[in-house]
Amino acid sequence: MRRLQVIEAKPEDTAAKALKIAFATQDLHRVDSHFGSAPAIVIYEVGPTDARFLEAVQFDQVSNQDGHHIDDTESDDRIGAKVAALTGCAMLFSLAIGGVAAARVVNAKVYPLKLPAPEAITDVIGRIQTMMTGTPPPWMRKLLYHDNATAFLDE
């Protein structure tokens, strides 16, 4: 696993709640991958009016996108490494996620969301910001307005 992180001081404007959001990706620009076989996860901090890149995590052991996984009986837990990379994130966007992987993501207090087709990360961020500034759905309100960003899972 390789990590690329941006290390800088957090902007002073903390009045608006920002969420860490993860995207399963093959090309670092689009949500275009199944979570279990994603070669990378890109993480952004998204607020109502701005977003900033935080981190890209690339994984060495991945399968192709045809649904056939590599034989990893003697290798590290691929899903475990990906779930660990989501630490601190509120949401995960992917094209698909298996039941076992989804349960592990939810247990890590991350809200998994599936997209029906590949989409630019910037477009997804724009939709999230629109929801944040409008009338967010109940699950997003809980993420935005509770001190514990994982409150939706605790009910």
N, C-alpha and C. Protein backbone atom coordinates (compact mmCIF):
# COMPACT_ATOMS: atom_id res chain seq x y z
N MET A 1 0.85 -1.17 0.00
CA MET A 1 0.00 0.00 0.00
C MET A 1 0.90 1.23 0.00
N ARG A 2 0.50 2.23 -0.79
CA ARG A 2 1.21 3.51 -0.86
C ARG A 2 0.23 4.62 -0.54
N ARG A 3 0.70 5.65 0.19
CA ARG A 3 -0.15 6.79 0.54
C ARG A 3 0.48 8.08 0.07
N LEU A 4 -0.34 8.93 -0.48
CA LEU A 4 0.05 10.29 -0.83
C LEU A 4 -0.88 11.20 -0.05
N GLN A 5 -0.32 12.02 0.85
CA GLN A 5 -1.13 12.90 1.67
C GLN A 5 -0.71 14.34 1.47
N VAL A 6 -1.68 15.22 1.52
CA VAL A 6 -1.41 16.65 1.52
C VAL A 6 -1.35 17.06 2.99
N ILE A 7 -0.23 17.62 3.39
CA ILE A 7 -0.07 18.06 4.77
C ILE A 7 0.00 19.57 4.77
N GLU A 8 -1.05 20.17 5.31
CA GLU A 8 -1.13 21.63 5.38
C GLU A 8 -2.05 21.98 6.53
N ALA A 9 -1.98 23.19 6.96
CA ALA A 9 -2.86 23.64 8.03
C ALA A 9 -4.29 23.63 7.52
N LYS A 10 -5.19 23.20 8.38
CA LYS A 10 -6.61 23.20 8.03
C LYS A 10 -7.10 24.64 7.95
N PRO A 11 -7.93 24.96 6.97
CA PRO A 11 -8.46 26.32 6.87
C PRO A 11 -9.15 26.72 8.18
N GLU A 12 -9.07 27.99 8.50
CA GLU A 12 -9.61 28.50 9.75
C GLU A 12 -11.13 28.50 9.80
N ASP A 13 -11.80 28.50 8.64
CA ASP A 13 -13.26 28.53 8.62
C ASP A 13 -13.80 27.18 9.06
N THR A 14 -14.10 27.05 10.34
CA THR A 14 -14.64 25.80 10.85
C THR A 14 -16.12 25.93 11.20
N ALA A 15 -16.75 27.05 10.80
CA ALA A 15 -18.16 27.25 11.09
C ALA A 15 -19.01 26.23 10.33
N ALA A 16 -18.63 25.93 9.11
CA ALA A 16 -19.36 24.97 8.31
C ALA A 16 -18.75 23.59 8.51
N LYS A 17 -19.58 22.60 8.72
CA LYS A 17 -19.13 21.23 8.92
C LYS A 17 -18.62 20.66 7.61
N ALA A 18 -17.46 20.06 7.66
CA ALA A 18 -16.90 19.38 6.49
C ALA A 18 -16.83 17.89 6.81
N LEU A 19 -17.00 17.08 5.79
CA LEU A 19 -16.95 15.63 5.93
C LEU A 19 -15.81 15.06 5.10
N LYS A 20 -15.15 14.05 5.63
CA LYS A 20 -14.16 13.31 4.85
C LYS A 20 -14.92 12.26 4.03
N ILE A 21 -14.69 12.29 2.73
CA ILE A 21 -15.41 11.40 1.83
C ILE A 21 -14.41 10.65 0.97
N ALA A 22 -14.62 9.33 0.87
CA ALA A 22 -13.73 8.45 0.12
C ALA A 22 -14.38 8.02 -1.19
N PHE A 23 -13.54 7.83 -2.21
CA PHE A 23 -14.01 7.44 -3.54
C PHE A 23 -13.17 6.27 -4.04
N ALA A 24 -13.82 5.17 -4.43
CA ALA A 24 -13.12 4.02 -5.01
C ALA A 24 -12.83 4.35 -6.48
N THR A 25 -11.56 4.22 -6.88
CA THR A 25 -11.17 4.69 -8.21
C THR A 25 -10.06 3.86 -8.82
N GLN A 26 -10.05 3.86 -10.14
CA GLN A 26 -8.96 3.26 -10.89
C GLN A 26 -7.99 4.33 -11.39
N ASP A 27 -8.53 5.51 -11.71
CA ASP A 27 -7.71 6.53 -12.37
C ASP A 27 -7.47 7.79 -11.52
N LEU A 28 -7.91 7.79 -10.27
CA LEU A 28 -7.76 8.89 -9.32
C LEU A 28 -8.60 10.12 -9.66
N HIS A 29 -9.43 10.03 -10.71
CA HIS A 29 -10.25 11.17 -11.12
C HIS A 29 -11.74 10.86 -11.15
N ARG A 30 -12.08 9.58 -11.23
CA ARG A 30 -13.48 9.19 -11.34
C ARG A 30 -13.81 8.11 -10.31
N VAL A 31 -15.07 8.07 -9.90
CA VAL A 31 -15.57 6.92 -9.16
C VAL A 31 -15.87 5.90 -10.25
N ASP A 32 -14.99 4.92 -10.39
CA ASP A 32 -15.09 3.99 -11.51
C ASP A 32 -14.67 2.58 -11.12
N SER A 33 -14.86 2.23 -9.85
CA SER A 33 -14.36 0.94 -9.39
C SER A 33 -15.26 0.32 -8.34
N HIS A 34 -15.27 -1.00 -8.33
CA HIS A 34 -15.87 -1.79 -7.27
C HIS A 34 -14.96 -1.64 -6.05
N PHE A 35 -15.52 -1.50 -4.87
CA PHE A 35 -14.71 -1.27 -3.68
C PHE A 35 -13.66 -2.37 -3.48
N GLY A 36 -14.06 -3.61 -3.58
CA GLY A 36 -13.14 -4.72 -3.32
C GLY A 36 -11.99 -4.81 -4.29
N SER A 37 -12.16 -4.35 -5.50
CA SER A 37 -11.09 -4.43 -6.48
C SER A 37 -10.54 -3.07 -6.88
N ALA A 38 -10.84 -2.05 -6.09
CA ALA A 38 -10.32 -0.71 -6.39
C ALA A 38 -8.81 -0.67 -6.18
N PRO A 39 -8.07 -0.22 -7.18
CA PRO A 39 -6.64 -0.07 -6.99
C PRO A 39 -6.27 1.14 -6.14
N ALA A 40 -7.25 2.05 -5.93
CA ALA A 40 -6.97 3.25 -5.13
C ALA A 40 -8.25 3.77 -4.49
N ILE A 41 -8.05 4.46 -3.39
CA ILE A 41 -9.11 5.21 -2.74
C ILE A 41 -8.61 6.64 -2.59
N VAL A 42 -9.41 7.58 -3.06
CA VAL A 42 -9.07 8.99 -2.96
C VAL A 42 -9.98 9.60 -1.89
N ILE A 43 -9.40 10.42 -1.03
CA ILE A 43 -10.16 11.00 0.08
C ILE A 43 -10.10 12.53 -0.01
N TYR A 44 -11.29 13.14 0.06
CA TYR A 44 -11.43 14.59 0.06
C TYR A 44 -12.13 15.03 1.33
N GLU A 45 -11.85 16.26 1.75
CA GLU A 45 -12.64 16.90 2.79
C GLU A 45 -13.61 17.81 2.05
N VAL A 46 -14.90 17.59 2.27
CA VAL A 46 -15.92 18.31 1.52
C VAL A 46 -16.79 19.11 2.48
N GLY A 47 -16.86 20.41 2.23
CA GLY A 47 -17.74 21.31 2.97
C GLY A 47 -18.78 21.86 2.03
N PRO A 48 -19.71 22.65 2.54
CA PRO A 48 -20.78 23.18 1.71
C PRO A 48 -20.29 24.04 0.54
N THR A 49 -19.15 24.72 0.70
CA THR A 49 -18.70 25.62 -0.35
C THR A 49 -17.32 25.31 -0.89
N ASP A 50 -16.61 24.37 -0.28
CA ASP A 50 -15.28 24.05 -0.78
C ASP A 50 -14.96 22.59 -0.54
N ALA A 51 -13.95 22.12 -1.24
CA ALA A 51 -13.48 20.75 -1.08
C ALA A 51 -11.97 20.76 -1.29
N ARG A 52 -11.30 19.90 -0.57
CA ARG A 52 -9.86 19.82 -0.76
C ARG A 52 -9.40 18.37 -0.71
N PHE A 53 -8.48 18.05 -1.58
CA PHE A 53 -7.88 16.73 -1.62
C PHE A 53 -7.10 16.50 -0.34
N LEU A 54 -7.28 15.35 0.29
CA LEU A 54 -6.52 15.00 1.47
C LEU A 54 -5.51 13.90 1.22
N GLU A 55 -5.95 12.84 0.49
CA GLU A 55 -5.10 11.67 0.44
C GLU A 55 -5.51 10.75 -0.70
N ALA A 56 -4.53 10.06 -1.26
CA ALA A 56 -4.77 8.96 -2.19
C ALA A 56 -4.04 7.74 -1.65
N VAL A 57 -4.76 6.64 -1.53
CA VAL A 57 -4.17 5.40 -1.03
C VAL A 57 -4.24 4.40 -2.16
N GLN A 58 -3.08 3.86 -2.56
CA GLN A 58 -3.03 2.87 -3.64
C GLN A 58 -2.71 1.52 -3.04
N PHE A 59 -3.32 0.48 -3.59
CA PHE A 59 -3.18 -0.87 -3.08
C PHE A 59 -2.45 -1.74 -4.09
N ASP A 60 -1.56 -2.57 -3.58
CA ASP A 60 -0.77 -3.44 -4.44
C ASP A 60 -1.55 -4.66 -4.92
N GLN A 61 -2.34 -5.25 -4.03
CA GLN A 61 -3.07 -6.46 -4.38
C GLN A 61 -4.51 -6.11 -4.72
N VAL A 62 -4.81 -6.13 -5.99
CA VAL A 62 -6.17 -5.88 -6.44
C VAL A 62 -6.52 -6.88 -7.52
N SER A 63 -7.80 -7.11 -7.69
CA SER A 63 -8.26 -7.97 -8.77
C SER A 63 -8.78 -7.09 -9.89
N ASN A 64 -9.01 -7.72 -11.03
CA ASN A 64 -9.56 -6.92 -12.13
C ASN A 64 -11.03 -6.65 -11.85
N GLN A 65 -11.65 -5.86 -12.66
CA GLN A 65 -13.01 -5.40 -12.42
C GLN A 65 -14.09 -6.35 -12.95
N ASP A 66 -13.71 -7.58 -13.31
CA ASP A 66 -14.69 -8.51 -13.86
C ASP A 66 -15.39 -9.36 -12.81
N GLY A 67 -15.11 -9.11 -11.54
CA GLY A 67 -15.77 -9.85 -10.47
C GLY A 67 -15.02 -11.08 -10.01
N HIS A 68 -13.96 -11.46 -10.70
CA HIS A 68 -13.14 -12.61 -10.30
C HIS A 68 -11.97 -12.10 -9.48
N HIS A 69 -11.92 -12.52 -8.25
CA HIS A 69 -10.88 -12.04 -7.35
C HIS A 69 -9.64 -12.93 -7.43
N ILE A 70 -8.50 -12.32 -7.15
CA ILE A 70 -7.27 -13.08 -7.12
C ILE A 70 -7.32 -14.04 -5.94
N ASP A 71 -6.54 -15.12 -6.01
CA ASP A 71 -6.48 -16.07 -4.90
C ASP A 71 -5.60 -15.45 -3.83
N ASP A 72 -6.25 -15.04 -2.74
CA ASP A 72 -5.49 -14.35 -1.70
C ASP A 72 -5.53 -15.12 -0.39
N THR A 73 -5.56 -16.43 -0.47
CA THR A 73 -5.64 -17.22 0.75
C THR A 73 -4.41 -17.06 1.62
N GLU A 74 -3.27 -16.77 1.03
CA GLU A 74 -2.05 -16.62 1.81
C GLU A 74 -1.57 -15.18 1.87
N SER A 75 -2.35 -14.26 1.36
CA SER A 75 -1.93 -12.86 1.34
C SER A 75 -2.66 -12.06 2.40
N ASP A 76 -2.32 -10.81 2.52
CA ASP A 76 -2.98 -9.92 3.47
C ASP A 76 -4.45 -9.77 3.11
N ASP A 77 -5.22 -9.37 4.08
CA ASP A 77 -6.64 -9.12 3.91
C ASP A 77 -6.83 -7.86 3.09
N ARG A 78 -7.22 -8.02 1.80
CA ARG A 78 -7.39 -6.86 0.92
C ARG A 78 -8.46 -5.91 1.41
N ILE A 79 -9.59 -6.46 1.84
CA ILE A 79 -10.68 -5.62 2.30
C ILE A 79 -10.30 -4.91 3.59
N GLY A 80 -9.61 -5.61 4.48
CA GLY A 80 -9.20 -5.01 5.75
C GLY A 80 -8.33 -3.78 5.54
N ALA A 81 -7.40 -3.86 4.58
CA ALA A 81 -6.53 -2.72 4.29
C ALA A 81 -7.34 -1.55 3.74
N LYS A 82 -8.34 -1.85 2.93
CA LYS A 82 -9.17 -0.79 2.36
C LYS A 82 -10.06 -0.16 3.42
N VAL A 83 -10.63 -1.00 4.29
CA VAL A 83 -11.46 -0.46 5.37
C VAL A 83 -10.60 0.40 6.29
N ALA A 84 -9.38 -0.04 6.59
CA ALA A 84 -8.48 0.76 7.44
C ALA A 84 -8.17 2.11 6.80
N ALA A 85 -8.08 2.14 5.47
CA ALA A 85 -7.80 3.40 4.77
C ALA A 85 -8.95 4.39 4.91
N LEU A 86 -10.13 3.92 5.26
CA LEU A 86 -11.31 4.77 5.39
C LEU A 86 -11.43 5.43 6.75
N THR A 87 -10.49 5.20 7.64
CA THR A 87 -10.56 5.73 8.99
C THR A 87 -10.83 7.24 8.97
N GLY A 88 -11.86 7.65 9.68
CA GLY A 88 -12.22 9.07 9.76
C GLY A 88 -13.16 9.54 8.67
N CYS A 89 -13.42 8.71 7.68
CA CYS A 89 -14.32 9.09 6.60
C CYS A 89 -15.77 8.91 7.03
N ALA A 90 -16.64 9.74 6.48
CA ALA A 90 -18.07 9.64 6.76
C ALA A 90 -18.79 8.84 5.68
N MET A 91 -18.31 8.92 4.44
CA MET A 91 -18.96 8.26 3.31
C MET A 91 -17.93 7.63 2.39
N LEU A 92 -18.38 6.59 1.68
CA LEU A 92 -17.59 5.94 0.65
C LEU A 92 -18.45 5.81 -0.59
N PHE A 93 -17.96 6.29 -1.73
CA PHE A 93 -18.64 6.12 -3.01
C PHE A 93 -17.89 5.10 -3.83
N SER A 94 -18.64 4.14 -4.42
CA SER A 94 -18.07 3.14 -5.31
C SER A 94 -19.12 2.75 -6.33
N LEU A 95 -18.72 1.96 -7.33
CA LEU A 95 -19.69 1.46 -8.30
C LEU A 95 -20.45 0.27 -7.73
N ALA A 96 -19.78 -0.50 -6.87
CA ALA A 96 -20.41 -1.67 -6.26
C ALA A 96 -19.62 -2.03 -5.01
N ILE A 97 -20.28 -2.78 -4.12
CA ILE A 97 -19.62 -3.25 -2.92
C ILE A 97 -20.33 -4.52 -2.50
N GLY A 98 -19.57 -5.56 -2.22
CA GLY A 98 -20.14 -6.83 -1.80
C GLY A 98 -20.71 -6.74 -0.40
N GLY A 99 -21.54 -7.71 -0.05
CA GLY A 99 -22.21 -7.71 1.23
C GLY A 99 -21.26 -7.75 2.42
N VAL A 100 -20.25 -8.61 2.36
CA VAL A 100 -19.29 -8.71 3.47
C VAL A 100 -18.50 -7.42 3.59
N ALA A 101 -18.05 -6.89 2.46
CA ALA A 101 -17.28 -5.64 2.48
C ALA A 101 -18.16 -4.50 2.99
N ALA A 102 -19.42 -4.44 2.56
CA ALA A 102 -20.32 -3.38 3.02
C ALA A 102 -20.51 -3.45 4.53
N ALA A 103 -20.65 -4.65 5.06
CA ALA A 103 -20.81 -4.80 6.51
C ALA A 103 -19.57 -4.31 7.24
N ARG A 104 -18.40 -4.60 6.70
CA ARG A 104 -17.16 -4.14 7.34
C ARG A 104 -17.03 -2.63 7.26
N VAL A 105 -17.45 -2.04 6.16
CA VAL A 105 -17.40 -0.59 6.01
C VAL A 105 -18.37 0.07 7.00
N VAL A 106 -19.58 -0.45 7.10
CA VAL A 106 -20.56 0.09 8.04
C VAL A 106 -20.06 -0.07 9.48
N ASN A 107 -19.46 -1.22 9.80
CA ASN A 107 -18.90 -1.42 11.14
C ASN A 107 -17.79 -0.43 11.45
N ALA A 108 -17.13 0.08 10.40
CA ALA A 108 -16.09 1.11 10.57
C ALA A 108 -16.70 2.50 10.64
N LYS A 109 -18.04 2.58 10.71
CA LYS A 109 -18.76 3.85 10.84
C LYS A 109 -18.66 4.72 9.59
N VAL A 110 -18.64 4.07 8.42
CA VAL A 110 -18.59 4.77 7.13
C VAL A 110 -19.86 4.40 6.37
N TYR A 111 -20.51 5.39 5.77
CA TYR A 111 -21.75 5.20 5.04
C TYR A 111 -21.43 4.87 3.58
N PRO A 112 -21.64 3.61 3.11
CA PRO A 112 -21.32 3.26 1.72
C PRO A 112 -22.44 3.66 0.76
N LEU A 113 -22.06 4.24 -0.36
CA LEU A 113 -23.02 4.65 -1.39
C LEU A 113 -22.53 4.13 -2.73
N LYS A 114 -23.47 3.57 -3.52
CA LYS A 114 -23.13 3.04 -4.84
C LYS A 114 -23.64 3.98 -5.92
N LEU A 115 -22.82 4.19 -6.93
CA LEU A 115 -23.22 4.96 -8.10
C LEU A 115 -23.60 3.98 -9.21
N PRO A 116 -24.57 4.34 -10.05
CA PRO A 116 -24.99 3.42 -11.12
C PRO A 116 -24.01 3.35 -12.29
N ALA A 117 -23.17 4.37 -12.44
CA ALA A 117 -22.23 4.41 -13.57
C ALA A 117 -21.02 5.25 -13.16
N PRO A 118 -19.89 5.06 -13.84
CA PRO A 118 -18.71 5.89 -13.52
C PRO A 118 -19.04 7.37 -13.62
N GLU A 119 -18.43 8.14 -12.72
CA GLU A 119 -18.69 9.58 -12.67
C GLU A 119 -17.46 10.29 -12.12
N ALA A 120 -17.20 11.48 -12.62
CA ALA A 120 -16.07 12.28 -12.13
C ALA A 120 -16.25 12.58 -10.65
N ILE A 121 -15.16 12.46 -9.90
CA ILE A 121 -15.19 12.75 -8.47
C ILE A 121 -15.66 14.18 -8.23
N THR A 122 -15.21 15.11 -9.06
CA THR A 122 -15.62 16.51 -8.89
C THR A 122 -17.13 16.68 -9.04
N ASP A 123 -17.74 15.90 -9.94
CA ASP A 123 -19.20 15.97 -10.10
C ASP A 123 -19.92 15.43 -8.87
N VAL A 124 -19.41 14.34 -8.30
CA VAL A 124 -20.01 13.77 -7.10
C VAL A 124 -19.89 14.77 -5.95
N ILE A 125 -18.71 15.37 -5.82
CA ILE A 125 -18.50 16.38 -4.78
C ILE A 125 -19.50 17.53 -4.95
N GLY A 126 -19.71 17.97 -6.17
CA GLY A 126 -20.67 19.04 -6.43
C GLY A 126 -22.07 18.67 -5.97
N ARG A 127 -22.49 17.42 -6.21
CA ARG A 127 -23.82 16.99 -5.76
C ARG A 127 -23.89 16.93 -4.24
N ILE A 128 -22.82 16.49 -3.61
CA ILE A 128 -22.77 16.45 -2.14
C ILE A 128 -22.92 17.87 -1.59
N GLN A 129 -22.20 18.81 -2.17
CA GLN A 129 -22.27 20.20 -1.71
C GLN A 129 -23.67 20.77 -1.90
N THR A 130 -24.31 20.45 -3.00
CA THR A 130 -25.68 20.90 -3.23
C THR A 130 -26.60 20.35 -2.14
N MET A 131 -26.43 19.07 -1.80
CA MET A 131 -27.24 18.49 -0.73
C MET A 131 -26.94 19.15 0.61
N MET A 132 -25.66 19.48 0.85
CA MET A 132 -25.28 20.11 2.12
C MET A 132 -25.91 21.49 2.28
N THR A 133 -25.99 22.24 1.20
CA THR A 133 -26.49 23.62 1.29
C THR A 133 -28.00 23.71 1.13
N GLY A 134 -28.61 22.64 0.63
CA GLY A 134 -30.06 22.63 0.49
C GLY A 134 -30.68 21.97 1.71
N THR A 135 -31.53 21.02 1.46
CA THR A 135 -32.14 20.24 2.53
C THR A 135 -31.55 18.84 2.47
N PRO A 136 -30.53 18.58 3.29
CA PRO A 136 -29.88 17.28 3.23
C PRO A 136 -30.84 16.16 3.65
N PRO A 137 -30.64 14.96 3.08
CA PRO A 137 -31.45 13.83 3.53
C PRO A 137 -31.14 13.55 5.01
N PRO A 138 -32.04 12.85 5.70
CA PRO A 138 -31.86 12.63 7.14
C PRO A 138 -30.51 12.04 7.53
N TRP A 139 -30.01 11.06 6.78
CA TRP A 139 -28.74 10.45 7.14
C TRP A 139 -27.60 11.46 7.04
N MET A 140 -27.67 12.38 6.06
CA MET A 140 -26.61 13.38 5.93
C MET A 140 -26.74 14.45 7.02
N ARG A 141 -27.96 14.80 7.38
CA ARG A 141 -28.14 15.76 8.49
C ARG A 141 -27.48 15.24 9.75
N LYS A 142 -27.62 13.95 10.00
CA LYS A 142 -26.99 13.36 11.19
C LYS A 142 -25.47 13.47 11.11
N LEU A 143 -24.92 13.26 9.93
CA LEU A 143 -23.47 13.38 9.76
C LEU A 143 -23.01 14.82 9.95
N LEU A 144 -23.79 15.76 9.44
CA LEU A 144 -23.39 17.16 9.47
C LEU A 144 -23.60 17.83 10.82
N TYR A 145 -24.67 17.48 11.52
CA TYR A 145 -25.06 18.27 12.67
C TYR A 145 -24.87 17.60 14.03
N HIS A 146 -24.39 16.37 14.04
CA HIS A 146 -24.09 15.72 15.31
C HIS A 146 -22.60 15.83 15.57
N ASP A 147 -22.24 15.95 16.84
CA ASP A 147 -20.83 15.98 17.20
C ASP A 147 -20.15 14.69 16.77
N ASN A 148 -20.85 13.58 16.91
CA ASN A 148 -20.30 12.30 16.47
C ASN A 148 -20.78 12.06 15.04
N ALA A 149 -19.86 12.15 14.10
CA ALA A 149 -20.23 12.05 12.68
C ALA A 149 -20.74 10.67 12.31
N THR A 150 -20.67 9.71 13.21
CA THR A 150 -21.15 8.37 12.92
C THR A 150 -22.45 8.08 13.64
N ALA A 151 -23.16 9.10 14.06
CA ALA A 151 -24.38 8.91 14.85
C ALA A 151 -25.44 8.10 14.11
N PHE A 152 -25.47 8.15 12.79
CA PHE A 152 -26.49 7.42 12.04
C PHE A 152 -26.36 5.92 12.25
N LEU A 153 -25.18 5.45 12.59
CA LEU A 153 -24.97 4.03 12.78
C LEU A 153 -25.28 3.59 14.20
N ASP A 154 -25.40 4.52 15.11
CA ASP A 154 -25.56 4.19 16.52
C ASP A 154 -27.03 4.03 16.92
N GLU A 155 -27.94 4.27 16.02
CA GLU A 155 -29.36 4.19 16.38
C GLU A 155 -29.87 2.78 16.30
